[in-house]
Amino acid sequence: MTLRTARRSSLVEQVIDQLRAEIASAAWPLGGKIPPEPVLAEQLGVGRNTVREAVRALTHAGLLEGRQGDGTYVIATSELSGAVRRRLETAELIEILEVRRGLEVEAARLAAARRTDADVAAIADALARRDLAWAARDHDAFVDADLAFHTAVVEATHNRVLTDLYLDFSAALRQSIGAVGVELDHADVPHGPIADAVRDGDAAAAANAAQACLDHILRSVGKRGT
């Protein structure tokens, strides 16, 4: 009995690891639906009960969410992401933005010192898409491009811990950008200076530009809250 339990536990853990790998690699993207239980069982060559236990474990860990009559969706990319998401669900917008400022100011500083030509190109591309989306008044595209811009700056730090933490924070960041980004005058929140300073390798200017951007948003949120 003990051996059987151990074998079953080991099999479930293997399936958990495989499902987690699909999520981490973005094969199953954030917000997307995972394959149904019978399909997973066939793909993995295991019983449906084993798949069910693995999905239940990842749901409990905060990576997946079952929706009655609709299927199971990816809601976080890691256990840390799930914990961060749950914590931020009860946070005030201004609290989220204050943490965002701390991450992005330091990221801009490090990015200016460590960026590669590929990083500079990725930042410039995201900035161009952001400007085009704003001009077209395309809310969803603007939010996507704005987050892509800031993520590209963070990735230019080549600090894996900072990048992973920022990506785990990205769901709440998307909500904060969506809440305030399109309500602000585009000229009042320039992102070009951040891109220029990172490209030029000016760490102080990059940090100052990032702080000015987030300070403006914080002031706007503060005014609306009074």
C-alpha atoms as a PDB file:
ATOM      1  CA  MET A   1       0.000   0.000   0.000  1.00  0.00           C
ATOM      2  CA  THR A   2       2.804   2.416   0.886  1.00  0.00           C
ATOM      3  CA  LEU A   3       4.631   1.639  -2.360  1.00  0.00           C
ATOM      4  CA  ARG A   4       1.512   2.154  -4.439  1.00  0.00           C
ATOM      5  CA  THR A   5       0.856   5.470  -2.738  1.00  0.00           C
ATOM      6  CA  ALA A   6       4.426   6.554  -3.313  1.00  0.00           C
ATOM      7  CA  ARG A   7       4.232   5.572  -6.979  1.00  0.00           C
ATOM      8  CA  ARG A   8       0.958   7.393  -7.482  1.00  0.00           C
ATOM      9  CA  SER A   9       2.250  10.454  -5.659  1.00  0.00           C
ATOM     10  CA  SER A  10       5.361  10.412  -7.834  1.00  0.00           C
ATOM     11  CA  LEU A  11       3.267  10.170 -10.994  1.00  0.00           C
ATOM     12  CA  VAL A  12       1.036  13.052  -9.932  1.00  0.00           C
ATOM     13  CA  GLU A  13       4.122  15.125  -9.132  1.00  0.00           C
ATOM     14  CA  GLN A  14       5.535  14.361 -12.572  1.00  0.00           C
ATOM     15  CA  VAL A  15       2.318  15.513 -14.200  1.00  0.00           C
ATOM     16  CA  ILE A  16       2.308  18.651 -12.030  1.00  0.00           C
ATOM     17  CA  ASP A  17       5.848  19.394 -13.212  1.00  0.00           C
ATOM     18  CA  GLN A  18       4.823  18.888 -16.849  1.00  0.00           C
ATOM     19  CA  LEU A  19       1.796  21.130 -16.528  1.00  0.00           C
ATOM     20  CA  ARG A  20       3.837  23.751 -14.710  1.00  0.00           C
ATOM     21  CA  ALA A  21       6.413  23.655 -17.530  1.00  0.00           C
ATOM     22  CA  GLU A  22       3.668  24.291 -20.110  1.00  0.00           C
ATOM     23  CA  ILE A  23       2.588  27.344 -18.135  1.00  0.00           C
ATOM     24  CA  ALA A  24       6.110  28.660 -17.514  1.00  0.00           C
ATOM     25  CA  SER A  25       7.051  28.334 -21.205  1.00  0.00           C
ATOM     26  CA  ALA A  26       3.879  30.215 -22.241  1.00  0.00           C
ATOM     27  CA  ALA A  27       2.747  27.207 -24.285  1.00  0.00           C
ATOM     28  CA  TRP A  28      -0.369  27.825 -22.225  1.00  0.00           C
ATOM     29  CA  PRO A  29      -0.457  31.635 -22.062  1.00  0.00           C
ATOM     30  CA  LEU A  30      -1.627  33.691 -19.127  1.00  0.00           C
ATOM     31  CA  GLY A  31      -5.379  34.105 -19.391  1.00  0.00           C
ATOM     32  CA  GLY A  32      -5.727  31.182 -21.774  1.00  0.00           C
ATOM     33  CA  LYS A  33      -7.648  27.933 -21.348  1.00  0.00           C
ATOM     34  CA  ILE A  34      -5.736  24.684 -20.865  1.00  0.00           C
ATOM     35  CA  PRO A  35      -6.724  21.526 -22.782  1.00  0.00           C
ATOM     36  CA  PRO A  36      -9.603  19.538 -21.268  1.00  0.00           C
ATOM     37  CA  GLU A  37      -8.921  16.669 -18.906  1.00  0.00           C
ATOM     38  CA  PRO A  38      -9.404  13.815 -21.451  1.00  0.00           C
ATOM     39  CA  VAL A  39      -7.018  15.464 -23.901  1.00  0.00           C
ATOM     40  CA  LEU A  40      -4.356  15.977 -21.227  1.00  0.00           C
ATOM     41  CA  ALA A  41      -4.710  12.382 -20.054  1.00  0.00           C
ATOM     42  CA  GLU A  42      -4.182  11.110 -23.590  1.00  0.00           C
ATOM     43  CA  GLN A  43      -1.268  13.464 -24.300  1.00  0.00           C
ATOM     44  CA  LEU A  44       0.510  12.552 -21.071  1.00  0.00           C
ATOM     45  CA  GLY A  45      -0.333   8.873 -21.145  1.00  0.00           C
ATOM     46  CA  VAL A  46      -1.832   8.858 -17.656  1.00  0.00           C
ATOM     47  CA  GLY A  47      -5.253   8.330 -16.153  1.00  0.00           C
ATOM     48  CA  ARG A  48      -7.802  11.101 -15.855  1.00  0.00           C
ATOM     49  CA  ASN A  49      -7.709  10.876 -12.054  1.00  0.00           C
ATOM     50  CA  THR A  50      -3.986  11.645 -12.127  1.00  0.00           C
ATOM     51  CA  VAL A  51      -4.586  14.662 -14.356  1.00  0.00           C
ATOM     52  CA  ARG A  52      -7.427  15.781 -12.106  1.00  0.00           C
ATOM     53  CA  GLU A  53      -5.202  15.648  -9.020  1.00  0.00           C
ATOM     54  CA  ALA A  54      -2.433  17.583 -10.768  1.00  0.00           C
ATOM     55  CA  VAL A  55      -4.830  20.273 -11.988  1.00  0.00           C
ATOM     56  CA  ARG A  56      -6.347  20.490  -8.517  1.00  0.00           C
ATOM     57  CA  ALA A  57      -2.878  20.973  -6.999  1.00  0.00           C
ATOM     58  CA  LEU A  58      -2.003  23.781  -9.425  1.00  0.00           C
ATOM     59  CA  THR A  59      -5.401  25.376  -8.824  1.00  0.00           C
ATOM     60  CA  HIS A  60      -4.722  25.331  -5.085  1.00  0.00           C
ATOM     61  CA  ALA A  61      -1.286  26.858  -5.763  1.00  0.00           C
ATOM     62  CA  GLY A  62      -2.947  29.725  -7.623  1.00  0.00           C
ATOM     63  CA  LEU A  63      -1.721  28.973 -11.153  1.00  0.00           C
ATOM     64  CA  LEU A  64      -5.012  27.661 -12.526  1.00  0.00           C
ATOM     65  CA  GLU A  65      -8.651  28.539 -12.047  1.00  0.00           C
ATOM     66  CA  GLY A  66     -11.591  26.319 -12.878  1.00  0.00           C
ATOM     67  CA  ARG A  67     -14.636  28.096 -14.289  1.00  0.00           C
ATOM     68  CA  GLN A  68     -17.930  26.271 -14.034  1.00  0.00           C
ATOM     69  CA  GLY A  69     -19.074  25.080 -17.431  1.00  0.00           C
ATOM     70  CA  ASP A  70     -16.195  26.789 -19.228  1.00  0.00           C
ATOM     71  CA  GLY A  71     -12.951  24.986 -18.415  1.00  0.00           C
ATOM     72  CA  THR A  72      -9.713  25.703 -16.594  1.00  0.00           C
ATOM     73  CA  TYR A  73      -7.677  28.855 -17.199  1.00  0.00           C
ATOM     74  CA  VAL A  74      -4.110  29.960 -16.485  1.00  0.00           C
ATOM     75  CA  ILE A  75      -4.231  32.855 -14.019  1.00  0.00           C
ATOM     76  CA  ALA A  76      -0.572  32.944 -12.895  1.00  0.00           C
ATOM     77  CA  THR A  77       2.743  31.734 -14.267  1.00  0.00           C
ATOM     78  CA  SER A  78       4.262  30.502 -11.007  1.00  0.00           C
ATOM     79  CA  GLU A  79       3.441  29.949  -7.360  1.00  0.00           C
ATOM     80  CA  LEU A  80       5.065  33.302  -6.616  1.00  0.00           C
ATOM     81  CA  SER A  81       2.952  34.955  -9.293  1.00  0.00           C
ATOM     82  CA  GLY A  82      -0.161  33.398  -7.812  1.00  0.00           C
ATOM     83  CA  ALA A  83       0.707  34.632  -4.340  1.00  0.00           C
ATOM     84  CA  VAL A  84       1.483  38.118  -5.651  1.00  0.00           C
ATOM     85  CA  ARG A  85      -1.775  38.207  -7.610  1.00  0.00           C
ATOM     86  CA  ARG A  86      -3.823  37.215  -4.563  1.00  0.00           C
ATOM     87  CA  ARG A  87      -2.106  39.850  -2.434  1.00  0.00           C
ATOM     88  CA  LEU A  88      -2.585  42.592  -4.987  1.00  0.00           C
ATOM     89  CA  GLU A  89      -6.261  41.824  -5.425  1.00  0.00           C
ATOM     90  CA  THR A  90      -6.857  43.560  -2.087  1.00  0.00           C
ATOM     91  CA  ALA A  91      -4.291  46.347  -2.557  1.00  0.00           C
ATOM     92  CA  GLU A  92      -5.118  49.967  -3.286  1.00  0.00           C
ATOM     93  CA  LEU A  93      -4.169  51.225  -6.750  1.00  0.00           C
ATOM     94  CA  ILE A  94      -1.802  53.795  -5.282  1.00  0.00           C
ATOM     95  CA  GLU A  95       0.011  51.033  -3.353  1.00  0.00           C
ATOM     96  CA  ILE A  96       0.494  49.049  -6.546  1.00  0.00           C
ATOM     97  CA  LEU A  97       1.799  52.119  -8.344  1.00  0.00           C
ATOM     98  CA  GLU A  98       4.264  52.912  -5.555  1.00  0.00           C
ATOM     99  CA  VAL A  99       5.756  49.423  -5.852  1.00  0.00           C
ATOM    100  CA  ARG A 100       5.733  49.751  -9.623  1.00  0.00           C
ATOM    101  CA  ARG A 101       7.719  52.984  -9.326  1.00  0.00           C
ATOM    102  CA  GLY A 102      10.338  51.320  -7.150  1.00  0.00           C
ATOM    103  CA  LEU A 103      10.815  48.469  -9.609  1.00  0.00           C
ATOM    104  CA  GLU A 104      10.834  50.588 -12.752  1.00  0.00           C
ATOM    105  CA  VAL A 105      13.161  53.327 -11.512  1.00  0.00           C
ATOM    106  CA  GLU A 106      15.834  50.812 -10.534  1.00  0.00           C
ATOM    107  CA  ALA A 107      15.215  48.852 -13.733  1.00  0.00           C
ATOM    108  CA  ALA A 108      15.781  51.949 -15.865  1.00  0.00           C
ATOM    109  CA  ARG A 109      19.023  52.675 -14.027  1.00  0.00           C
ATOM    110  CA  LEU A 110      20.351  49.142 -14.542  1.00  0.00           C
ATOM    111  CA  ALA A 111      19.082  48.929 -18.121  1.00  0.00           C
ATOM    112  CA  ALA A 112      21.076  52.006 -19.119  1.00  0.00           C
ATOM    113  CA  ALA A 113      24.249  50.326 -17.872  1.00  0.00           C
ATOM    114  CA  ARG A 114      23.602  46.871 -19.310  1.00  0.00           C
ATOM    115  CA  ARG A 115      21.459  47.221 -22.439  1.00  0.00           C
ATOM    116  CA  THR A 116      22.392  45.548 -25.698  1.00  0.00           C
ATOM    117  CA  ASP A 117      21.548  46.642 -29.221  1.00  0.00           C
ATOM    118  CA  ALA A 118      18.723  44.092 -29.219  1.00  0.00           C
ATOM    119  CA  ASP A 119      17.351  45.570 -25.981  1.00  0.00           C
ATOM    120  CA  VAL A 120      17.424  49.082 -27.423  1.00  0.00           C
ATOM    121  CA  ALA A 121      15.568  47.871 -30.517  1.00  0.00           C
ATOM    122  CA  ALA A 122      12.913  46.099 -28.418  1.00  0.00           C
ATOM    123  CA  ILE A 123      12.351  49.215 -26.306  1.00  0.00           C
ATOM    124  CA  ALA A 124      12.080  51.431 -29.386  1.00  0.00           C
ATOM    125  CA  ASP A 125       9.643  49.025 -31.046  1.00  0.00           C
ATOM    126  CA  ALA A 126       7.379  48.930 -27.989  1.00  0.00           C
ATOM    127  CA  LEU A 127       7.478  52.724 -27.730  1.00  0.00           C
ATOM    128  CA  ALA A 128       6.486  53.094 -31.391  1.00  0.00           C
ATOM    129  CA  ARG A 129       3.574  50.680 -30.928  1.00  0.00           C
ATOM    130  CA  ARG A 130       2.512  52.573 -27.812  1.00  0.00           C
ATOM    131  CA  ASP A 131       2.456  55.884 -29.713  1.00  0.00           C
ATOM    132  CA  LEU A 132       0.511  54.377 -32.611  1.00  0.00           C
ATOM    133  CA  ALA A 133      -2.061  52.831 -30.274  1.00  0.00           C
ATOM    134  CA  TRP A 134      -2.518  56.134 -28.484  1.00  0.00           C
ATOM    135  CA  ALA A 135      -3.005  57.988 -31.765  1.00  0.00           C
ATOM    136  CA  ALA A 136      -5.602  55.407 -32.816  1.00  0.00           C
ATOM    137  CA  ARG A 137      -7.286  55.598 -29.386  1.00  0.00           C
ATOM    138  CA  ASP A 138      -7.041  51.792 -29.236  1.00  0.00           C
ATOM    139  CA  HIS A 139      -7.292  51.165 -25.497  1.00  0.00           C
ATOM    140  CA  ASP A 140      -6.349  47.474 -25.465  1.00  0.00           C
ATOM    141  CA  ALA A 141      -3.429  47.920 -27.853  1.00  0.00           C
ATOM    142  CA  PHE A 142      -2.210  50.903 -25.829  1.00  0.00           C
ATOM    143  CA  VAL A 143      -2.244  48.958 -22.560  1.00  0.00           C
ATOM    144  CA  ASP A 144      -0.432  46.027 -24.205  1.00  0.00           C
ATOM    145  CA  ALA A 145       2.206  48.277 -25.764  1.00  0.00           C
ATOM    146  CA  ASP A 146       2.711  50.322 -22.584  1.00  0.00           C
ATOM    147  CA  LEU A 147       3.332  47.184 -20.555  1.00  0.00           C
ATOM    148  CA  ALA A 148       5.555  45.800 -23.330  1.00  0.00           C
ATOM    149  CA  PHE A 149       7.642  48.989 -23.174  1.00  0.00           C
ATOM    150  CA  HIS A 150       8.215  48.787 -19.436  1.00  0.00           C
ATOM    151  CA  THR A 151       8.843  45.047 -19.625  1.00  0.00           C
ATOM    152  CA  ALA A 152      11.456  45.590 -22.344  1.00  0.00           C
ATOM    153  CA  VAL A 153      13.240  48.085 -20.097  1.00  0.00           C
ATOM    154  CA  VAL A 154      13.206  45.602 -17.221  1.00  0.00           C
ATOM    155  CA  GLU A 155      14.486  42.792 -19.441  1.00  0.00           C
ATOM    156  CA  ALA A 156      17.353  45.072 -20.509  1.00  0.00           C
ATOM    157  CA  THR A 157      18.668  44.886 -16.932  1.00  0.00           C
ATOM    158  CA  HIS A 158      19.592  41.229 -17.527  1.00  0.00           C
ATOM    159  CA  ASN A 159      18.768  40.678 -13.863  1.00  0.00           C
ATOM    160  CA  ARG A 160      16.757  37.460 -13.821  1.00  0.00           C
ATOM    161  CA  VAL A 161      15.364  37.969 -10.336  1.00  0.00           C
ATOM    162  CA  LEU A 162      14.144  41.482 -11.123  1.00  0.00           C
ATOM    163  CA  THR A 163      12.709  40.349 -14.450  1.00  0.00           C
ATOM    164  CA  ASP A 164      10.887  37.380 -12.929  1.00  0.00           C
ATOM    165  CA  LEU A 165       9.511  39.539 -10.128  1.00  0.00           C
ATOM    166  CA  TYR A 166       8.315  42.147 -12.613  1.00  0.00           C
ATOM    167  CA  LEU A 167       6.656  39.534 -14.799  1.00  0.00           C
ATOM    168  CA  ASP A 168       4.917  38.101 -11.728  1.00  0.00           C
ATOM    169  CA  PHE A 169       3.710  41.620 -11.013  1.00  0.00           C
ATOM    170  CA  SER A 170       2.547  42.185 -14.592  1.00  0.00           C
ATOM    171  CA  ALA A 171      -1.101  41.194 -14.184  1.00  0.00           C
ATOM    172  CA  ALA A 172      -1.631  43.858 -11.523  1.00  0.00           C
ATOM    173  CA  LEU A 173       0.465  46.265 -13.568  1.00  0.00           C
ATOM    174  CA  ARG A 174      -1.802  45.716 -16.554  1.00  0.00           C
ATOM    175  CA  GLN A 175      -4.788  46.621 -14.401  1.00  0.00           C
ATOM    176  CA  SER A 176      -3.082  49.762 -13.098  1.00  0.00           C
ATOM    177  CA  ILE A 177      -2.039  50.850 -16.596  1.00  0.00           C
ATOM    178  CA  GLY A 178      -5.563  50.238 -17.846  1.00  0.00           C
ATOM    179  CA  ALA A 179      -7.011  52.209 -14.968  1.00  0.00           C
ATOM    180  CA  VAL A 180      -4.910  55.329 -15.393  1.00  0.00           C
ATOM    181  CA  GLY A 181      -2.932  55.168 -18.620  1.00  0.00           C
ATOM    182  CA  VAL A 182      -5.484  56.316 -21.151  1.00  0.00           C
ATOM    183  CA  GLU A 183      -6.922  58.942 -18.815  1.00  0.00           C
ATOM    184  CA  LEU A 184      -3.701  60.916 -18.801  1.00  0.00           C
ATOM    185  CA  ASP A 185      -2.574  63.369 -21.423  1.00  0.00           C
ATOM    186  CA  HIS A 186       0.001  61.547 -23.551  1.00  0.00           C
ATOM    187  CA  ALA A 187       2.314  64.564 -23.679  1.00  0.00           C
ATOM    188  CA  ASP A 188       2.325  64.742 -19.882  1.00  0.00           C
ATOM    189  CA  VAL A 189       3.684  61.218 -19.488  1.00  0.00           C
ATOM    190  CA  PRO A 190       6.565  61.039 -21.964  1.00  0.00           C
ATOM    191  CA  HIS A 191       8.260  57.671 -22.321  1.00  0.00           C
ATOM    192  CA  GLY A 192      10.737  58.798 -24.963  1.00  0.00           C
ATOM    193  CA  PRO A 193      13.196  60.192 -22.381  1.00  0.00           C
ATOM    194  CA  ILE A 194      13.378  56.772 -20.728  1.00  0.00           C
ATOM    195  CA  ALA A 195      14.126  55.078 -24.037  1.00  0.00           C
ATOM    196  CA  ASP A 196      16.672  57.746 -25.001  1.00  0.00           C
ATOM    197  CA  ALA A 197      18.531  57.590 -21.700  1.00  0.00           C
ATOM    198  CA  VAL A 198      18.697  53.783 -21.756  1.00  0.00           C
ATOM    199  CA  ARG A 199      19.943  53.891 -25.362  1.00  0.00           C
ATOM    200  CA  ASP A 200      22.584  56.488 -24.452  1.00  0.00           C
ATOM    201  CA  GLY A 201      23.731  54.563 -21.382  1.00  0.00           C
ATOM    202  CA  ASP A 202      22.895  57.430 -19.028  1.00  0.00           C
ATOM    203  CA  ALA A 203      21.826  55.633 -15.843  1.00  0.00           C
ATOM    204  CA  ALA A 204      21.001  58.766 -13.851  1.00  0.00           C
ATOM    205  CA  ALA A 205      18.881  60.246 -16.631  1.00  0.00           C
ATOM    206  CA  ALA A 206      17.083  56.925 -17.162  1.00  0.00           C
ATOM    207  CA  ALA A 207      16.202  56.646 -13.469  1.00  0.00           C
ATOM    208  CA  ASN A 208      15.070  60.285 -13.356  1.00  0.00           C
ATOM    209  CA  ALA A 209      12.895  59.860 -16.440  1.00  0.00           C
ATOM    210  CA  ALA A 210      11.272  56.715 -15.059  1.00  0.00           C
ATOM    211  CA  GLN A 211      10.628  58.387 -11.728  1.00  0.00           C
ATOM    212  CA  ALA A 212       9.126  61.456 -13.409  1.00  0.00           C
ATOM    213  CA  CYS A 213       6.782  59.201 -15.392  1.00  0.00           C
ATOM    214  CA  LEU A 214       5.530  57.283 -12.347  1.00  0.00           C
ATOM    215  CA  ASP A 215       5.394  60.374 -10.127  1.00  0.00           C
ATOM    216  CA  HIS A 216       3.073  62.008 -12.643  1.00  0.00           C
ATOM    217  CA  ILE A 217       0.750  59.003 -12.590  1.00  0.00           C
ATOM    218  CA  LEU A 218       0.820  58.875  -8.789  1.00  0.00           C
ATOM    219  CA  ARG A 219      -0.077  62.554  -8.561  1.00  0.00           C
ATOM    220  CA  SER A 220      -2.956  62.026 -10.983  1.00  0.00           C
ATOM    221  CA  VAL A 221      -4.274  59.074  -8.989  1.00  0.00           C
ATOM    222  CA  GLY A 222      -3.883  61.044  -5.770  1.00  0.00           C
ATOM    223  CA  LYS A 223      -5.893  63.959  -7.145  1.00  0.00           C
ATOM    224  CA  ARG A 224      -8.693  61.675  -8.279  1.00  0.00           C
ATOM    225  CA  GLY A 225      -8.770  60.087  -4.841  1.00  0.00           C
ATOM    226  CA  THR A 226      -9.274  63.402  -3.036  1.00  0.00           C
END
